[in-house]
């Protein structure tokens, strides 16, 4: 609520940042109502405050819930004005996807159901799922499985989420399980995300592009051999 002016300033930067609309407040409020103080105490420690201070802050945020829809529309309008790419996170229903699409959010990030993912892809929109989800073979929250979504052509991008190596190992698992070809799996972590984010200088190996290349030994468990960034060899394997 209080960062609208900050966001407006950030959108003037070059390159223009992307904006992801993400609601974790609702799930936090559900945890508060459940009385699960163990999780709440963990979150309070991470925030560097006491549990009472944390609960007071959550209560203050909840009281401002009626302001949220208007603020989302304001930020989306600012983003459209600057041609910023927008993502919507954790969409639970097709109607949510439709409303977000209307505001210009053309990427569905971690949709919670196959119906939402199907609605996005049928409208030519990218769908992002987590690399850890792909490695694990399912969502740790019991939501949509990345592997199932990819097999059904309902996921176009893998994101590293909280575990950076998951792009590499997620692609490896998809290939080893026959879900995708090597080219198809690697497209989920290279070409597709580059295209979705408007990074037209990278994502594929072509004359005139950045020449970001990894050399991988796939004869056994995948092993990173060399890394080339911008045409420069930056990591030497053994």
Protein backbone atom coordinates (compact mmCIF):
# COMPACT_ATOMS: atom_id res chain seq x y z
CA UNK A 1 0.00 0.00 0.00
CA UNK A 2 2.67 2.45 1.04
CA UNK A 3 5.11 1.65 -1.76
CA UNK A 4 3.15 2.89 -4.79
CA UNK A 5 5.48 5.86 -5.22
CA UNK A 6 8.51 3.56 -4.92
CA UNK A 7 7.09 1.28 -7.62
CA UNK A 8 6.41 4.25 -9.87
CA UNK A 9 10.05 5.28 -9.50
CA UNK A 10 11.38 1.79 -10.17
CA UNK A 11 9.39 1.60 -13.39
CA UNK A 12 11.42 4.50 -14.80
CA UNK A 13 14.62 2.46 -14.56
CA UNK A 14 16.35 1.06 -17.63
CA UNK A 15 15.87 -1.82 -18.20
CA UNK A 16 12.26 -1.67 -17.03
CA UNK A 17 11.68 -4.15 -14.19
CA UNK A 18 9.00 -6.84 -14.29
CA UNK A 19 6.29 -6.87 -11.62
CA UNK A 20 4.86 -10.00 -9.98
CA UNK A 21 1.62 -9.71 -8.02
CA UNK A 22 1.90 -12.09 -5.09
CA UNK A 23 -0.47 -12.56 -2.13
CA UNK A 24 1.01 -14.42 0.82
CA UNK A 25 -1.07 -12.44 3.30
CA UNK A 26 -4.11 -14.69 2.91
CA UNK A 27 -2.19 -17.86 3.76
CA UNK A 28 -0.52 -16.08 6.69
CA UNK A 29 -3.92 -15.05 8.05
CA UNK A 30 -5.11 -18.65 7.73
CA UNK A 31 -2.11 -19.76 9.80
CA UNK A 32 -2.92 -17.14 12.44
CA UNK A 33 -6.51 -18.36 12.63
CA UNK A 34 -5.36 -21.99 12.87
CA UNK A 35 -3.38 -21.17 16.00
CA UNK A 36 -0.17 -22.74 14.65
CA UNK A 37 2.24 -20.68 16.75
CA UNK A 38 5.24 -22.78 15.71
CA UNK A 39 5.16 -21.46 12.15
CA UNK A 40 4.29 -17.96 13.30
CA UNK A 41 7.24 -17.89 15.71
CA UNK A 42 9.55 -19.02 12.89
CA UNK A 43 8.27 -16.25 10.62
CA UNK A 44 8.58 -13.68 13.41
CA UNK A 45 12.21 -14.68 14.01
CA UNK A 46 12.95 -14.35 10.29
CA UNK A 47 11.40 -10.87 10.38
CA UNK A 48 13.52 -9.95 13.40
CA UNK A 49 10.55 -9.21 15.67
CA UNK A 50 8.72 -10.83 18.56
CA UNK A 51 5.63 -12.94 17.95
CA UNK A 52 3.40 -10.23 19.44
CA UNK A 53 4.92 -7.60 17.15
CA UNK A 54 4.49 -9.90 14.17
CA UNK A 55 0.83 -10.57 14.98
CA UNK A 56 0.19 -6.86 15.46
CA UNK A 57 1.67 -6.13 12.03
CA UNK A 58 -0.44 -8.86 10.42
CA UNK A 59 -3.53 -7.43 12.12
CA UNK A 60 -2.73 -3.97 10.77
CA UNK A 61 -2.30 -5.38 7.27
CA UNK A 62 -5.59 -7.30 7.50
CA UNK A 63 -7.47 -4.12 8.39
CA UNK A 64 -6.30 -2.60 5.10
CA UNK A 65 -7.54 -5.52 2.99
CA UNK A 66 -10.35 -3.45 1.40
CA UNK A 67 -7.71 -1.19 -0.16
CA UNK A 68 -5.98 -4.02 -2.02
CA UNK A 69 -8.02 -4.29 -5.26
CA UNK A 70 -7.67 -0.58 -6.02
CA UNK A 71 -3.93 -0.64 -5.29
CA UNK A 72 -3.45 -3.64 -7.59
CA UNK A 73 -5.25 -1.79 -10.38
CA UNK A 74 -3.07 1.28 -9.75
CA UNK A 75 0.18 -0.68 -9.94
CA UNK A 76 -1.02 -2.56 -13.04
CA UNK A 77 -1.86 0.74 -14.72
CA UNK A 78 1.60 2.09 -13.90
CA UNK A 79 3.15 -1.09 -15.31
CA UNK A 80 1.15 -0.86 -18.54
CA UNK A 81 2.17 2.76 -18.94
CA UNK A 82 5.81 1.68 -18.89
CA UNK A 83 5.26 -1.55 -20.89
CA UNK A 84 6.47 -3.57 -17.91
CA UNK A 85 5.95 -7.32 -17.99
CA UNK A 86 3.54 -8.51 -15.28
CA UNK A 87 3.14 -11.90 -13.61
CA UNK A 88 0.35 -13.15 -11.35
CA UNK A 89 1.28 -15.61 -8.59
CA UNK A 90 -0.71 -18.51 -7.09
CA UNK A 91 -3.89 -18.06 -9.10
CA UNK A 92 -6.58 -20.39 -7.77
CA UNK A 93 -9.40 -19.93 -10.27
CA UNK A 94 -9.95 -19.30 -13.96
CA UNK A 95 -11.84 -16.13 -13.05
CA UNK A 96 -8.73 -14.83 -11.27
CA UNK A 97 -6.67 -15.52 -14.40
CA UNK A 98 -9.23 -13.70 -16.53
CA UNK A 99 -9.25 -10.68 -14.22
CA UNK A 100 -5.47 -10.54 -14.17
CA UNK A 101 -5.34 -10.91 -17.95
CA UNK A 102 -7.66 -7.93 -18.26
CA UNK A 103 -5.14 -5.88 -16.27
CA UNK A 104 -2.24 -6.99 -18.46
CA UNK A 105 -0.75 -9.81 -16.37
CA UNK A 106 0.13 -12.18 -19.18
CA UNK A 107 2.21 -14.70 -17.23
CA UNK A 108 0.69 -17.13 -14.72
CA UNK A 109 3.25 -17.99 -12.05
CA UNK A 110 2.65 -21.16 -10.02
CA UNK A 111 -1.06 -21.63 -10.85
CA UNK A 112 -2.80 -23.79 -8.27
CA UNK A 113 -4.85 -25.95 -10.64
CA UNK A 114 -4.59 -27.46 -14.13
CA UNK A 115 -7.71 -25.52 -15.11
CA UNK A 116 -5.95 -22.20 -14.49
CA UNK A 117 -2.84 -23.37 -16.35
CA UNK A 118 -4.96 -24.57 -19.27
CA UNK A 119 -6.79 -21.25 -19.43
CA UNK A 120 -3.46 -19.42 -19.60
CA UNK A 121 -1.87 -21.61 -22.26
CA UNK A 122 -5.04 -21.61 -24.38
CA UNK A 123 -4.75 -17.83 -24.43
CA UNK A 124 -1.13 -17.96 -25.56
CA UNK A 125 0.24 -17.06 -22.12
CA UNK A 126 3.30 -18.48 -20.40
CA UNK A 127 2.87 -20.63 -17.29
CA UNK A 128 5.68 -20.80 -14.72
CA UNK A 129 6.20 -23.74 -12.37
CA UNK A 130 8.95 -24.37 -9.83
CA UNK A 131 12.11 -26.33 -10.52
CA UNK A 132 12.04 -27.91 -7.03
CA UNK A 133 8.52 -29.11 -7.81
CA UNK A 134 9.85 -30.79 -10.97
CA UNK A 135 12.72 -32.44 -9.06
CA UNK A 136 10.47 -33.62 -6.24
CA UNK A 137 7.78 -34.89 -8.58
CA UNK A 138 5.09 -32.74 -6.96
CA UNK A 139 4.30 -29.58 -5.05
CA UNK A 140 5.29 -29.49 -1.39
CA UNK A 141 1.96 -27.73 -0.74
CA UNK A 142 -0.06 -30.36 -2.59
CA UNK A 143 -0.79 -28.02 -5.49
CA UNK A 144 -0.31 -28.64 -9.21
CA UNK A 145 2.56 -30.99 -10.12
CA UNK A 146 5.11 -29.39 -12.44
CA UNK A 147 5.86 -32.73 -14.09
CA UNK A 148 2.19 -33.40 -14.79
CA UNK A 149 1.70 -29.87 -16.11
CA UNK A 150 4.72 -30.16 -18.41
CA UNK A 151 3.60 -33.57 -19.68
CA UNK A 152 0.19 -32.07 -20.48
CA UNK A 153 1.75 -29.00 -22.14
CA UNK A 154 0.39 -26.75 -19.39
CA UNK A 155 3.76 -25.38 -18.27
CA UNK A 156 6.17 -23.43 -20.46
CA UNK A 157 8.77 -22.19 -17.95
CA UNK A 158 10.63 -23.59 -14.94
CA UNK A 159 11.77 -21.12 -12.27
CA UNK A 160 14.52 -21.90 -9.76
CA UNK A 161 12.26 -20.72 -6.90
CA UNK A 162 14.17 -21.19 -3.63
CA UNK A 163 16.79 -23.64 -5.02
CA UNK A 164 18.95 -22.31 -7.85
CA UNK A 165 20.33 -25.72 -9.03
CA UNK A 166 16.74 -26.86 -9.65
CA UNK A 167 16.81 -25.51 -13.22
CA UNK A 168 19.66 -27.86 -14.12
CA UNK A 169 18.41 -30.88 -12.17
CA UNK A 170 14.75 -30.24 -13.00
CA UNK A 171 15.55 -30.42 -16.71
CA UNK A 172 17.62 -33.56 -16.07
CA UNK A 173 14.74 -35.32 -14.31
CA UNK A 174 12.27 -34.41 -17.06
CA UNK A 175 14.59 -35.90 -19.68
CA UNK A 176 15.40 -39.02 -17.66
CA UNK A 177 11.71 -39.70 -17.02
CA UNK A 178 10.83 -39.26 -20.69
CA UNK A 179 8.63 -36.24 -20.03
CA UNK A 180 10.60 -34.03 -22.43
CA UNK A 181 13.39 -34.32 -24.95
CA UNK A 182 16.67 -32.63 -24.01
CA UNK A 183 15.81 -29.73 -26.31
CA UNK A 184 12.30 -29.44 -24.91
CA UNK A 185 13.41 -29.58 -21.28
CA UNK A 186 16.17 -27.02 -21.82
CA UNK A 187 13.73 -24.68 -23.53
CA UNK A 188 11.84 -24.48 -20.22
CA UNK A 189 14.88 -22.87 -18.56
CA UNK A 190 16.34 -20.89 -21.46
CA UNK A 191 14.39 -19.88 -24.56
CA UNK A 192 10.91 -19.70 -23.05
CA UNK A 193 11.79 -17.58 -20.00
CA UNK A 194 13.92 -15.27 -22.14
CA UNK A 195 11.04 -14.79 -24.57
CA UNK A 196 8.49 -14.28 -21.78
CA UNK A 197 10.61 -11.60 -20.14
CA UNK A 198 11.42 -9.82 -23.39
CA UNK A 199 15.13 -10.67 -23.25
CA UNK A 200 15.60 -11.04 -26.97
CA UNK A 201 19.40 -11.07 -26.83
CA UNK A 202 19.53 -14.50 -25.18
CA UNK A 203 17.74 -17.83 -24.78
CA UNK A 204 18.90 -19.49 -28.01
CA UNK A 205 22.23 -20.07 -29.71
CA UNK A 206 22.14 -17.79 -32.74
CA UNK A 207 24.45 -15.34 -34.49
CA UNK A 208 24.09 -11.92 -32.89
CA UNK A 209 22.89 -13.17 -29.51
CA UNK A 210 24.80 -13.25 -26.23
CA UNK A 211 26.35 -16.70 -26.57
CA UNK A 212 25.39 -17.89 -23.08
CA UNK A 213 26.15 -21.60 -23.32
CA UNK A 214 26.55 -24.52 -20.93
CA UNK A 215 28.34 -27.72 -21.89
CA UNK A 216 26.87 -30.72 -20.09
CA UNK A 217 28.02 -34.34 -19.89
CA UNK A 218 24.80 -36.40 -20.06
CA UNK A 219 26.47 -39.83 -20.25
CA UNK A 220 25.48 -40.48 -16.60
CA UNK A 221 24.10 -38.18 -13.95
CA UNK A 222 24.29 -34.78 -15.59
CA UNK A 223 27.56 -32.97 -15.00
CA UNK A 224 28.31 -29.34 -15.82
CA UNK A 225 31.51 -29.25 -17.88
CA UNK A 226 31.92 -25.66 -19.09
CA UNK A 227 30.03 -22.38 -18.80
CA UNK A 228 30.27 -19.64 -21.43
CA UNK A 229 28.69 -16.26 -20.61
CA UNK A 230 28.52 -13.56 -23.25
CA UNK A 231 30.94 -15.54 -25.39
CA UNK A 232 33.55 -15.78 -22.61
CA UNK A 233 34.53 -19.08 -20.99
CA UNK A 234 33.93 -18.40 -17.29
CA UNK A 235 33.90 -21.90 -15.77
CA UNK A 236 36.23 -24.77 -16.61
CA UNK A 237 35.15 -28.32 -15.90
CA UNK A 238 37.32 -31.34 -15.38
